[in-house]
Structure formats: structure tokens, C-alpha cells
Amino acid sequence: MSWLSTIHSFSKKRLSWMLLLLFVVFFELCALYFQHVLMLAPCVMCVYERVAMMGVGAAAMVGLIQPKNHLIRWLSLAGWGYTSFRGLQLAIEHVGYQFNPSPFATCDIFPQFPSWAPLNQLAPWMFEPTGDCSKIVWQFLNLSMPQWLVVIFSANLVVLSLVIIAQFFKSK
């Protein structure tokens, strides 16, 4: 299981957390490209999924602080896990709105952010939803955007699981 030792060692390096952060930046830039260049209006679920992705980025930034520190690394792993899991839940719910439309199960029209963080008011260019959750406005390889987010957040959880398991092996 030397590959798990290698993963453990890698998780103690800033490069690993920087790669995770760059992954988030890439997907956030893609979302902004879809919104502002391709003019695809984000829905409430898209905005929530965007926030979940930013949570993964926040966890990566915590990990960047001092990845060799056991407590900081575990806090980062926990943040990465929680926000990836919530992102996956949101993406699955969003897929349901698209492929099982119902007048009784619809997404909100307005985002429900806490009063201390009204993101849609602070940065409407990024967090103000104007689209419909049930519309499929983009597909790639026959998967809609929320289906791709299911893949992305699931992949996050698979990689995270390997990194967590590796924490119990001696690093190289």
C-alpha cells in the first residue's frame, strides 16, 4: 500500500491543496463563462451548487495555510467532505427538477441566503439567479450541467475518501 503512503505525503504538501483550489477556480470560471459569455441564466440550484463549489475552495485555502499541521489538514478534509457532499445533494436534487418535472416540486425563485451573507445582493453578477431549474440549457456528452456536477462532486468524494484513508498510513 505504498501508494497510500504517497497520497498521505502529498496531502501534507501545499501543492496538493493548491491543485484542489485550482480545480475549484477552473469550474467557477466555467460557470461564469456559461453565464456571461454563453448567456445561460443560472437558476437557484446553480447558484447553490456554485456556493458548494466555493466551499471546496475555502477548504483548500485552509489546507494551504499549513498542510503539515494535523489539525489544519483534518479541518480542511472535513470542510472538503462536507461541501462536496452538500454539492452532490444539491446536484442530485437539481437533476430531479430537470428529469422529473412536477408542479408540486419546484425550486425556489429567490435564493435563501442567511441575512448575514446575502450573496445575491453582494455579488449579483455571480449569485443572482435568473434561470429556471427545470430547463436543460446545455449538454455535453448527453449530460446536463447538473448531471456533470453530480459527476464532479462524486469524484471529489472518491478522491477525498482515498486521501482520508491514506491519513492512516505512514507518509513516505
N, C-alpha and C. Protein backbone atom coordinates (compact mmCIF):
# COMPACT_ATOMS: atom_id res chain seq x y z
N MET A 1 0.83 -1.20 0.00
CA MET A 1 0.00 0.00 0.00
C MET A 1 0.87 1.26 0.00
N SER A 2 1.97 1.19 -0.71
CA SER A 2 2.87 2.35 -0.73
C SER A 2 2.22 3.56 -1.41
N TRP A 3 1.25 3.29 -2.30
CA TRP A 3 0.58 4.42 -2.97
C TRP A 3 -0.24 5.21 -1.96
N LEU A 4 -0.77 4.56 -0.91
CA LEU A 4 -1.50 5.30 0.13
C LEU A 4 -0.53 6.15 0.95
N SER A 5 0.67 5.64 1.16
CA SER A 5 1.70 6.43 1.85
C SER A 5 2.07 7.65 1.02
N THR A 6 2.13 7.44 -0.29
CA THR A 6 2.44 8.56 -1.19
C THR A 6 1.33 9.61 -1.15
N ILE A 7 0.08 9.16 -1.15
CA ILE A 7 -1.04 10.10 -1.06
C ILE A 7 -1.00 10.85 0.27
N HIS A 8 -0.68 10.14 1.35
CA HIS A 8 -0.57 10.80 2.65
C HIS A 8 0.51 11.88 2.61
N SER A 9 1.65 11.55 2.07
CA SER A 9 2.73 12.55 1.95
C SER A 9 2.29 13.73 1.10
N PHE A 10 1.61 13.43 0.00
CA PHE A 10 1.17 14.51 -0.91
C PHE A 10 0.16 15.42 -0.22
N SER A 11 -0.69 14.87 0.65
CA SER A 11 -1.68 15.69 1.34
C SER A 11 -1.04 16.66 2.33
N LYS A 12 0.22 16.43 2.66
CA LYS A 12 0.95 17.31 3.58
C LYS A 12 1.69 18.41 2.84
N LYS A 13 1.53 18.44 1.52
CA LYS A 13 2.22 19.45 0.71
C LYS A 13 1.23 20.52 0.25
N ARG A 14 1.70 21.73 0.16
CA ARG A 14 0.84 22.82 -0.30
C ARG A 14 0.37 22.59 -1.74
N LEU A 15 1.18 21.92 -2.53
CA LEU A 15 0.82 21.67 -3.92
C LEU A 15 -0.52 20.93 -4.02
N SER A 16 -0.75 19.97 -3.13
CA SER A 16 -2.00 19.20 -3.20
C SER A 16 -3.19 20.12 -2.97
N TRP A 17 -3.10 21.01 -2.00
CA TRP A 17 -4.21 21.92 -1.69
C TRP A 17 -4.33 23.00 -2.76
N MET A 18 -3.21 23.39 -3.36
CA MET A 18 -3.25 24.36 -4.46
C MET A 18 -3.94 23.75 -5.67
N LEU A 19 -3.67 22.47 -5.95
CA LEU A 19 -4.34 21.80 -7.08
C LEU A 19 -5.85 21.73 -6.85
N LEU A 20 -6.26 21.46 -5.62
CA LEU A 20 -7.69 21.44 -5.31
C LEU A 20 -8.29 22.82 -5.52
N LEU A 21 -7.59 23.85 -5.07
CA LEU A 21 -8.08 25.22 -5.25
C LEU A 21 -8.15 25.58 -6.73
N LEU A 22 -7.16 25.20 -7.51
CA LEU A 22 -7.18 25.48 -8.96
C LEU A 22 -8.33 24.74 -9.64
N PHE A 23 -8.62 23.55 -9.19
CA PHE A 23 -9.77 22.79 -9.69
C PHE A 23 -11.05 23.61 -9.48
N VAL A 24 -11.20 24.16 -8.29
CA VAL A 24 -12.39 24.97 -7.98
C VAL A 24 -12.42 26.23 -8.84
N VAL A 25 -11.30 26.90 -8.95
CA VAL A 25 -11.23 28.13 -9.75
C VAL A 25 -11.61 27.83 -11.20
N PHE A 26 -11.11 26.72 -11.74
CA PHE A 26 -11.45 26.33 -13.10
C PHE A 26 -12.96 26.19 -13.27
N PHE A 27 -13.60 25.45 -12.36
CA PHE A 27 -15.04 25.23 -12.50
C PHE A 27 -15.85 26.49 -12.24
N GLU A 28 -15.40 27.35 -11.36
CA GLU A 28 -16.10 28.61 -11.13
C GLU A 28 -15.97 29.52 -12.36
N LEU A 29 -14.79 29.52 -12.98
CA LEU A 29 -14.62 30.30 -14.21
C LEU A 29 -15.48 29.74 -15.35
N CYS A 30 -15.61 28.42 -15.40
CA CYS A 30 -16.51 27.82 -16.39
C CYS A 30 -17.94 28.29 -16.16
N ALA A 31 -18.37 28.31 -14.91
CA ALA A 31 -19.73 28.75 -14.59
C ALA A 31 -19.94 30.20 -15.02
N LEU A 32 -18.96 31.05 -14.77
CA LEU A 32 -19.08 32.45 -15.17
C LEU A 32 -19.05 32.60 -16.70
N TYR A 33 -18.27 31.76 -17.38
CA TYR A 33 -18.25 31.76 -18.83
C TYR A 33 -19.63 31.39 -19.38
N PHE A 34 -20.22 30.33 -18.83
CA PHE A 34 -21.57 29.93 -19.25
C PHE A 34 -22.57 31.06 -19.02
N GLN A 35 -22.42 31.74 -17.89
CA GLN A 35 -23.38 32.78 -17.53
C GLN A 35 -23.19 34.06 -18.36
N HIS A 36 -21.98 34.55 -18.44
CA HIS A 36 -21.75 35.87 -19.02
C HIS A 36 -21.33 35.88 -20.49
N VAL A 37 -20.82 34.78 -20.99
CA VAL A 37 -20.42 34.72 -22.40
C VAL A 37 -21.47 33.96 -23.21
N LEU A 38 -21.84 32.77 -22.73
CA LEU A 38 -22.85 31.99 -23.45
C LEU A 38 -24.28 32.43 -23.10
N MET A 39 -24.39 33.32 -22.12
CA MET A 39 -25.68 33.90 -21.70
C MET A 39 -26.66 32.83 -21.21
N LEU A 40 -26.16 31.84 -20.48
CA LEU A 40 -27.02 30.82 -19.86
C LEU A 40 -27.34 31.30 -18.45
N ALA A 41 -28.59 31.60 -18.20
CA ALA A 41 -29.01 32.15 -16.91
C ALA A 41 -28.95 31.09 -15.82
N PRO A 42 -28.25 31.38 -14.72
CA PRO A 42 -28.19 30.40 -13.63
C PRO A 42 -29.49 30.40 -12.83
N CYS A 43 -29.89 29.22 -12.41
CA CYS A 43 -31.09 29.10 -11.56
C CYS A 43 -30.65 29.09 -10.10
N VAL A 44 -31.60 29.02 -9.21
CA VAL A 44 -31.29 29.00 -7.78
C VAL A 44 -30.39 27.81 -7.43
N MET A 45 -30.70 26.65 -7.98
CA MET A 45 -29.88 25.47 -7.69
C MET A 45 -28.46 25.64 -8.22
N CYS A 46 -28.33 26.26 -9.39
CA CYS A 46 -27.00 26.54 -9.95
C CYS A 46 -26.20 27.41 -8.98
N VAL A 47 -26.87 28.42 -8.44
CA VAL A 47 -26.21 29.33 -7.50
C VAL A 47 -25.79 28.58 -6.25
N TYR A 48 -26.67 27.75 -5.71
CA TYR A 48 -26.33 26.96 -4.52
C TYR A 48 -25.17 26.01 -4.80
N GLU A 49 -25.18 25.38 -5.97
CA GLU A 49 -24.09 24.48 -6.35
C GLU A 49 -22.79 25.25 -6.48
N ARG A 50 -22.87 26.47 -6.97
CA ARG A 50 -21.71 27.34 -7.08
C ARG A 50 -21.13 27.63 -5.69
N VAL A 51 -22.02 27.89 -4.73
CA VAL A 51 -21.59 28.16 -3.36
C VAL A 51 -20.93 26.91 -2.76
N ALA A 52 -21.50 25.74 -3.03
CA ALA A 52 -20.89 24.50 -2.54
C ALA A 52 -19.49 24.33 -3.12
N MET A 53 -19.32 24.63 -4.39
CA MET A 53 -18.00 24.53 -5.01
C MET A 53 -17.03 25.51 -4.35
N MET A 54 -17.53 26.69 -4.02
CA MET A 54 -16.68 27.66 -3.32
C MET A 54 -16.30 27.17 -1.92
N GLY A 55 -17.19 26.38 -1.32
CA GLY A 55 -16.85 25.77 -0.04
C GLY A 55 -15.67 24.83 -0.15
N VAL A 56 -15.62 24.09 -1.25
CA VAL A 56 -14.47 23.22 -1.50
C VAL A 56 -13.21 24.10 -1.62
N GLY A 57 -13.35 25.24 -2.31
CA GLY A 57 -12.22 26.16 -2.44
C GLY A 57 -11.79 26.73 -1.10
N ALA A 58 -12.74 27.04 -0.23
CA ALA A 58 -12.42 27.55 1.10
C ALA A 58 -11.66 26.49 1.90
N ALA A 59 -12.10 25.23 1.79
CA ALA A 59 -11.41 24.14 2.47
C ALA A 59 -9.98 24.01 1.95
N ALA A 60 -9.81 24.17 0.65
CA ALA A 60 -8.46 24.11 0.06
C ALA A 60 -7.59 25.24 0.58
N MET A 61 -8.18 26.43 0.73
CA MET A 61 -7.40 27.56 1.26
C MET A 61 -6.98 27.32 2.71
N VAL A 62 -7.84 26.70 3.49
CA VAL A 62 -7.46 26.35 4.87
C VAL A 62 -6.30 25.36 4.83
N GLY A 63 -6.39 24.37 3.96
CA GLY A 63 -5.32 23.39 3.82
C GLY A 63 -4.00 24.01 3.39
N LEU A 64 -4.09 25.08 2.62
CA LEU A 64 -2.87 25.77 2.16
C LEU A 64 -2.13 26.46 3.31
N ILE A 65 -2.84 26.78 4.37
CA ILE A 65 -2.22 27.53 5.47
C ILE A 65 -1.02 26.78 6.02
N GLN A 66 -1.23 25.53 6.42
CA GLN A 66 -0.14 24.72 6.96
C GLN A 66 -0.52 23.25 6.85
N PRO A 67 -0.37 22.66 5.67
CA PRO A 67 -0.86 21.30 5.44
C PRO A 67 -0.16 20.22 6.28
N LYS A 68 1.01 20.51 6.81
CA LYS A 68 1.69 19.51 7.65
C LYS A 68 1.07 19.45 9.04
N ASN A 69 0.34 20.49 9.41
CA ASN A 69 -0.32 20.51 10.72
C ASN A 69 -1.51 19.56 10.68
N HIS A 70 -1.49 18.60 11.57
CA HIS A 70 -2.52 17.55 11.62
C HIS A 70 -3.93 18.15 11.75
N LEU A 71 -4.12 19.09 12.66
CA LEU A 71 -5.44 19.67 12.90
C LEU A 71 -5.94 20.45 11.68
N ILE A 72 -5.09 21.27 11.10
CA ILE A 72 -5.48 22.07 9.93
C ILE A 72 -5.82 21.15 8.75
N ARG A 73 -5.00 20.12 8.55
CA ARG A 73 -5.27 19.19 7.45
C ARG A 73 -6.61 18.48 7.65
N TRP A 74 -6.90 18.04 8.87
CA TRP A 74 -8.18 17.37 9.12
C TRP A 74 -9.36 18.32 9.02
N LEU A 75 -9.17 19.57 9.45
CA LEU A 75 -10.24 20.57 9.27
C LEU A 75 -10.52 20.79 7.78
N SER A 76 -9.46 20.85 7.01
CA SER A 76 -9.61 21.02 5.56
C SER A 76 -10.30 19.82 4.92
N LEU A 77 -9.92 18.64 5.33
CA LEU A 77 -10.55 17.43 4.80
C LEU A 77 -12.03 17.40 5.17
N ALA A 78 -12.35 17.80 6.41
CA ALA A 78 -13.76 17.82 6.84
C ALA A 78 -14.55 18.84 6.03
N GLY A 79 -13.98 20.03 5.81
CA GLY A 79 -14.64 21.06 5.01
C GLY A 79 -14.84 20.62 3.57
N TRP A 80 -13.82 20.00 3.02
CA TRP A 80 -13.90 19.47 1.65
C TRP A 80 -14.99 18.42 1.57
N GLY A 81 -15.05 17.54 2.55
CA GLY A 81 -16.05 16.48 2.54
C GLY A 81 -17.46 17.02 2.69
N TYR A 82 -17.65 17.93 3.65
CA TYR A 82 -18.99 18.47 3.88
C TYR A 82 -19.51 19.21 2.65
N THR A 83 -18.69 20.09 2.10
CA THR A 83 -19.16 20.90 0.97
C THR A 83 -19.32 20.07 -0.30
N SER A 84 -18.49 19.06 -0.48
CA SER A 84 -18.67 18.16 -1.63
C SER A 84 -19.94 17.34 -1.49
N PHE A 85 -20.20 16.86 -0.27
CA PHE A 85 -21.42 16.09 -0.04
C PHE A 85 -22.66 16.95 -0.24
N ARG A 86 -22.65 18.18 0.29
CA ARG A 86 -23.79 19.08 0.10
C ARG A 86 -23.94 19.44 -1.38
N GLY A 87 -22.83 19.66 -2.07
CA GLY A 87 -22.89 19.94 -3.50
C GLY A 87 -23.50 18.78 -4.27
N LEU A 88 -23.13 17.56 -3.89
CA LEU A 88 -23.70 16.37 -4.53
C LEU A 88 -25.20 16.29 -4.27
N GLN A 89 -25.61 16.54 -3.04
CA GLN A 89 -27.04 16.53 -2.73
C GLN A 89 -27.80 17.55 -3.57
N LEU A 90 -27.25 18.76 -3.67
CA LEU A 90 -27.90 19.81 -4.46
C LEU A 90 -27.97 19.43 -5.93
N ALA A 91 -26.88 18.88 -6.46
CA ALA A 91 -26.85 18.50 -7.87
C ALA A 91 -27.86 17.38 -8.16
N ILE A 92 -27.98 16.43 -7.26
CA ILE A 92 -28.96 15.35 -7.44
C ILE A 92 -30.37 15.92 -7.41
N GLU A 93 -30.63 16.83 -6.48
CA GLU A 93 -31.95 17.48 -6.42
C GLU A 93 -32.23 18.24 -7.72
N HIS A 94 -31.22 18.92 -8.23
CA HIS A 94 -31.34 19.69 -9.46
C HIS A 94 -31.65 18.77 -10.65
N VAL A 95 -30.96 17.64 -10.71
CA VAL A 95 -31.23 16.66 -11.77
C VAL A 95 -32.69 16.22 -11.69
N GLY A 96 -33.18 16.04 -10.49
CA GLY A 96 -34.59 15.66 -10.31
C GLY A 96 -35.54 16.69 -10.87
N TYR A 97 -35.24 17.97 -10.66
CA TYR A 97 -36.08 19.04 -11.22
C TYR A 97 -36.09 18.98 -12.75
N GLN A 98 -34.93 18.63 -13.32
CA GLN A 98 -34.84 18.60 -14.78
C GLN A 98 -35.50 17.38 -15.40
N PHE A 99 -35.34 16.23 -14.79
CA PHE A 99 -35.79 15.00 -15.44
C PHE A 99 -37.07 14.42 -14.86
N ASN A 100 -37.56 14.99 -13.78
CA ASN A 100 -38.84 14.58 -13.19
C ASN A 100 -39.64 15.83 -12.86
N PRO A 101 -39.94 16.66 -13.85
CA PRO A 101 -40.61 17.92 -13.55
C PRO A 101 -42.00 17.69 -12.95
N SER A 102 -42.30 18.53 -11.98
CA SER A 102 -43.59 18.44 -11.31
C SER A 102 -43.99 19.83 -10.83
N PRO A 103 -45.25 20.19 -10.98
CA PRO A 103 -45.67 21.49 -10.47
C PRO A 103 -45.64 21.54 -8.94
N PHE A 104 -45.52 20.38 -8.30
CA PHE A 104 -45.52 20.32 -6.84
C PHE A 104 -44.11 20.30 -6.26
N ALA A 105 -43.12 20.02 -7.09
CA ALA A 105 -41.73 20.00 -6.65
C ALA A 105 -40.93 20.92 -7.56
N THR A 106 -40.78 22.15 -7.14
CA THR A 106 -40.03 23.13 -7.92
C THR A 106 -39.00 23.80 -7.02
N CYS A 107 -38.00 24.37 -7.65
CA CYS A 107 -37.00 25.09 -6.86
C CYS A 107 -37.52 26.50 -6.57
N ASP A 108 -36.88 27.13 -5.61
CA ASP A 108 -37.26 28.49 -5.25
C ASP A 108 -36.97 29.45 -6.40
N ILE A 109 -37.66 30.56 -6.38
CA ILE A 109 -37.39 31.61 -7.36
C ILE A 109 -36.27 32.51 -6.85
N PHE A 110 -36.28 32.75 -5.54
CA PHE A 110 -35.28 33.62 -4.92
C PHE A 110 -34.38 32.79 -4.02
N PRO A 111 -33.09 33.10 -3.99
CA PRO A 111 -32.18 32.34 -3.14
C PRO A 111 -32.44 32.62 -1.66
N GLN A 112 -32.20 31.62 -0.84
CA GLN A 112 -32.39 31.73 0.60
C GLN A 112 -31.03 31.77 1.29
N PHE A 113 -30.37 32.92 1.24
CA PHE A 113 -29.09 33.06 1.91
C PHE A 113 -29.33 33.64 3.31
N PRO A 114 -28.43 33.37 4.23
CA PRO A 114 -28.59 33.95 5.57
C PRO A 114 -28.51 35.48 5.51
N SER A 115 -29.15 36.13 6.46
CA SER A 115 -29.19 37.60 6.46
C SER A 115 -27.79 38.20 6.57
N TRP A 116 -26.87 37.49 7.21
CA TRP A 116 -25.51 38.00 7.37
C TRP A 116 -24.65 37.77 6.12
N ALA A 117 -25.18 37.03 5.13
CA ALA A 117 -24.42 36.77 3.90
C ALA A 117 -25.36 36.76 2.69
N PRO A 118 -25.96 37.90 2.38
CA PRO A 118 -26.87 37.94 1.21
C PRO A 118 -26.06 37.99 -0.09
N LEU A 119 -25.51 36.85 -0.48
CA LEU A 119 -24.59 36.80 -1.61
C LEU A 119 -25.18 37.37 -2.89
N ASN A 120 -26.48 37.13 -3.10
CA ASN A 120 -27.11 37.64 -4.31
C ASN A 120 -27.17 39.17 -4.32
N GLN A 121 -27.10 39.81 -3.18
CA GLN A 121 -27.06 41.27 -3.11
C GLN A 121 -25.63 41.78 -3.14
N LEU A 122 -24.72 41.02 -2.55
CA LEU A 122 -23.32 41.44 -2.51
C LEU A 122 -22.63 41.28 -3.86
N ALA A 123 -22.96 40.22 -4.57
CA ALA A 123 -22.33 39.95 -5.88
C ALA A 123 -23.38 39.38 -6.83
N PRO A 124 -24.33 40.23 -7.25
CA PRO A 124 -25.40 39.72 -8.11
C PRO A 124 -24.90 39.16 -9.44
N TRP A 125 -23.77 39.63 -9.94
CA TRP A 125 -23.22 39.13 -11.19
C TRP A 125 -22.83 37.65 -11.09
N MET A 126 -22.74 37.15 -9.85
CA MET A 126 -22.35 35.76 -9.66
C MET A 126 -23.45 34.94 -8.97
N PHE A 127 -24.25 35.58 -8.13
CA PHE A 127 -25.17 34.82 -7.27
C PHE A 127 -26.64 35.16 -7.45
N GLU A 128 -26.98 35.99 -8.43
CA GLU A 128 -28.39 36.32 -8.64
C GLU A 128 -28.97 35.34 -9.67
N PRO A 129 -29.89 34.48 -9.22
CA PRO A 129 -30.46 33.51 -10.16
C PRO A 129 -31.53 34.15 -11.04
N THR A 130 -31.47 33.82 -12.31
CA THR A 130 -32.47 34.33 -13.26
C THR A 130 -33.02 33.22 -14.15
N GLY A 131 -32.53 32.00 -13.95
CA GLY A 131 -32.94 30.89 -14.81
C GLY A 131 -33.96 29.99 -14.14
N ASP A 132 -34.38 28.99 -14.89
CA ASP A 132 -35.37 28.01 -14.45
C ASP A 132 -34.66 26.68 -14.19
N CYS A 133 -34.83 26.14 -13.00
CA CYS A 133 -34.15 24.89 -12.60
C CYS A 133 -34.51 23.70 -13.47
N SER A 134 -35.71 23.69 -14.02
CA SER A 134 -36.16 22.51 -14.75
C SER A 134 -35.72 22.52 -16.22
N LYS A 135 -35.22 23.64 -16.70
CA LYS A 135 -34.79 23.71 -18.10
C LYS A 135 -33.38 23.16 -18.29
N ILE A 136 -33.23 22.38 -19.34
CA ILE A 136 -31.91 21.89 -19.71
C ILE A 136 -31.41 22.84 -20.80
N VAL A 137 -30.44 23.68 -20.43
CA VAL A 137 -29.97 24.71 -21.36
C VAL A 137 -28.62 24.37 -21.99
N TRP A 138 -27.99 23.30 -21.53
CA TRP A 138 -26.67 22.94 -22.02
C TRP A 138 -26.44 21.47 -21.76
N GLN A 139 -25.82 20.79 -22.71
CA GLN A 139 -25.44 19.39 -22.53
C GLN A 139 -24.08 19.15 -23.17
N PHE A 140 -23.36 18.23 -22.59
CA PHE A 140 -22.09 17.78 -23.13
C PHE A 140 -22.02 16.27 -22.91
N LEU A 141 -21.78 15.52 -23.96
CA LEU A 141 -21.79 14.05 -23.92
C LEU A 141 -23.09 13.53 -23.32
N ASN A 142 -24.18 14.15 -23.72
CA ASN A 142 -25.54 13.78 -23.30
C ASN A 142 -25.82 13.97 -21.82
N LEU A 143 -24.98 14.70 -21.11
CA LEU A 143 -25.23 15.01 -19.70
C LEU A 143 -25.50 16.51 -19.56
N SER A 144 -26.51 16.83 -18.76
CA SER A 144 -26.81 18.24 -18.49
C SER A 144 -25.82 18.78 -17.46
N MET A 145 -25.84 20.08 -17.26
CA MET A 145 -24.91 20.70 -16.33
C MET A 145 -25.03 20.11 -14.91
N PRO A 146 -26.24 19.97 -14.36
CA PRO A 146 -26.31 19.37 -13.03
C PRO A 146 -25.88 17.90 -13.00
N GLN A 147 -26.05 17.19 -14.10
CA GLN A 147 -25.55 15.82 -14.14
C GLN A 147 -24.02 15.81 -14.09
N TRP A 148 -23.40 16.78 -14.77
CA TRP A 148 -21.95 16.90 -14.70
C TRP A 148 -21.51 17.25 -13.28
N LEU A 149 -22.31 18.05 -12.59
CA LEU A 149 -21.97 18.39 -11.21
C LEU A 149 -22.09 17.18 -10.30
N VAL A 150 -23.01 16.29 -10.60
CA VAL A 150 -23.08 15.02 -9.85
C VAL A 150 -21.77 14.27 -10.04
N VAL A 151 -21.29 14.21 -11.27
CA VAL A 151 -20.02 13.53 -11.56
C VAL A 151 -18.87 14.23 -10.83
N ILE A 152 -18.82 15.55 -10.90
CA ILE A 152 -17.72 16.31 -10.31
C ILE A 152 -17.71 16.18 -8.79
N PHE A 153 -18.86 16.37 -8.15
CA PHE A 153 -18.89 16.26 -6.69
C PHE A 153 -18.66 14.82 -6.24
N SER A 154 -19.14 13.83 -7.01
CA SER A 154 -18.88 12.42 -6.68
C SER A 154 -17.39 12.12 -6.78
N ALA A 155 -16.76 12.62 -7.83
CA ALA A 155 -15.31 12.42 -7.99
C ALA A 155 -14.56 13.06 -6.83
N ASN A 156 -15.02 14.23 -6.39
CA ASN A 156 -14.42 14.87 -5.22
C ASN A 156 -14.48 13.94 -4.02
N LEU A 157 -15.64 13.32 -3.81
CA LEU A 157 -15.81 12.45 -2.65
C LEU A 157 -14.97 11.18 -2.75
N VAL A 158 -14.80 10.66 -3.97
CA VAL A 158 -13.95 9.48 -4.16
C VAL A 158 -12.50 9.83 -3.83
N VAL A 159 -12.02 10.95 -4.39
CA VAL A 159 -10.64 11.37 -4.12
C VAL A 159 -10.46 11.67 -2.64
N LEU A 160 -11.41 12.37 -2.05
CA LEU A 160 -11.34 12.68 -0.63
C LEU A 160 -11.28 11.38 0.19
N SER A 161 -12.07 10.40 -0.16
CA SER A 161 -12.05 9.12 0.57
C SER A 161 -10.66 8.49 0.54
N LEU A 162 -10.03 8.51 -0.61
CA LEU A 162 -8.67 7.97 -0.72
C LEU A 162 -7.69 8.76 0.14
N VAL A 163 -7.84 10.09 0.14
CA VAL A 163 -6.94 10.93 0.93
C VAL A 163 -7.16 10.66 2.43
N ILE A 164 -8.41 10.50 2.84
CA ILE A 164 -8.69 10.22 4.25
C ILE A 164 -8.14 8.85 4.65
N ILE A 165 -8.37 7.84 3.83
CA ILE A 165 -7.83 6.51 4.12
C ILE A 165 -6.31 6.58 4.22
N ALA A 166 -5.70 7.35 3.34
CA ALA A 166 -4.24 7.48 3.33
C ALA A 166 -3.70 8.12 4.60
N GLN A 167 -4.51 8.89 5.30
CA GLN A 167 -4.06 9.55 6.52
C GLN A 167 -3.69 8.52 7.61
N PHE A 168 -4.17 7.30 7.46
CA PHE A 168 -3.90 6.26 8.45
C PHE A 168 -2.69 5.39 8.09
N PHE A 169 -1.97 5.79 7.05
CA PHE A 169 -0.76 5.11 6.64
C PHE A 169 0.40 6.07 6.85
N LYS A 170 1.56 5.51 7.18
CA LYS A 170 2.73 6.36 7.35
C LYS A 170 3.09 7.01 6.04
N SER A 171 3.40 8.30 6.12
CA SER A 171 3.81 9.00 4.89
C SER A 171 5.23 8.64 4.56
N LYS A 172 5.51 8.72 3.26
CA LYS A 172 6.87 8.38 2.77
C LYS A 172 7.87 9.43 3.18
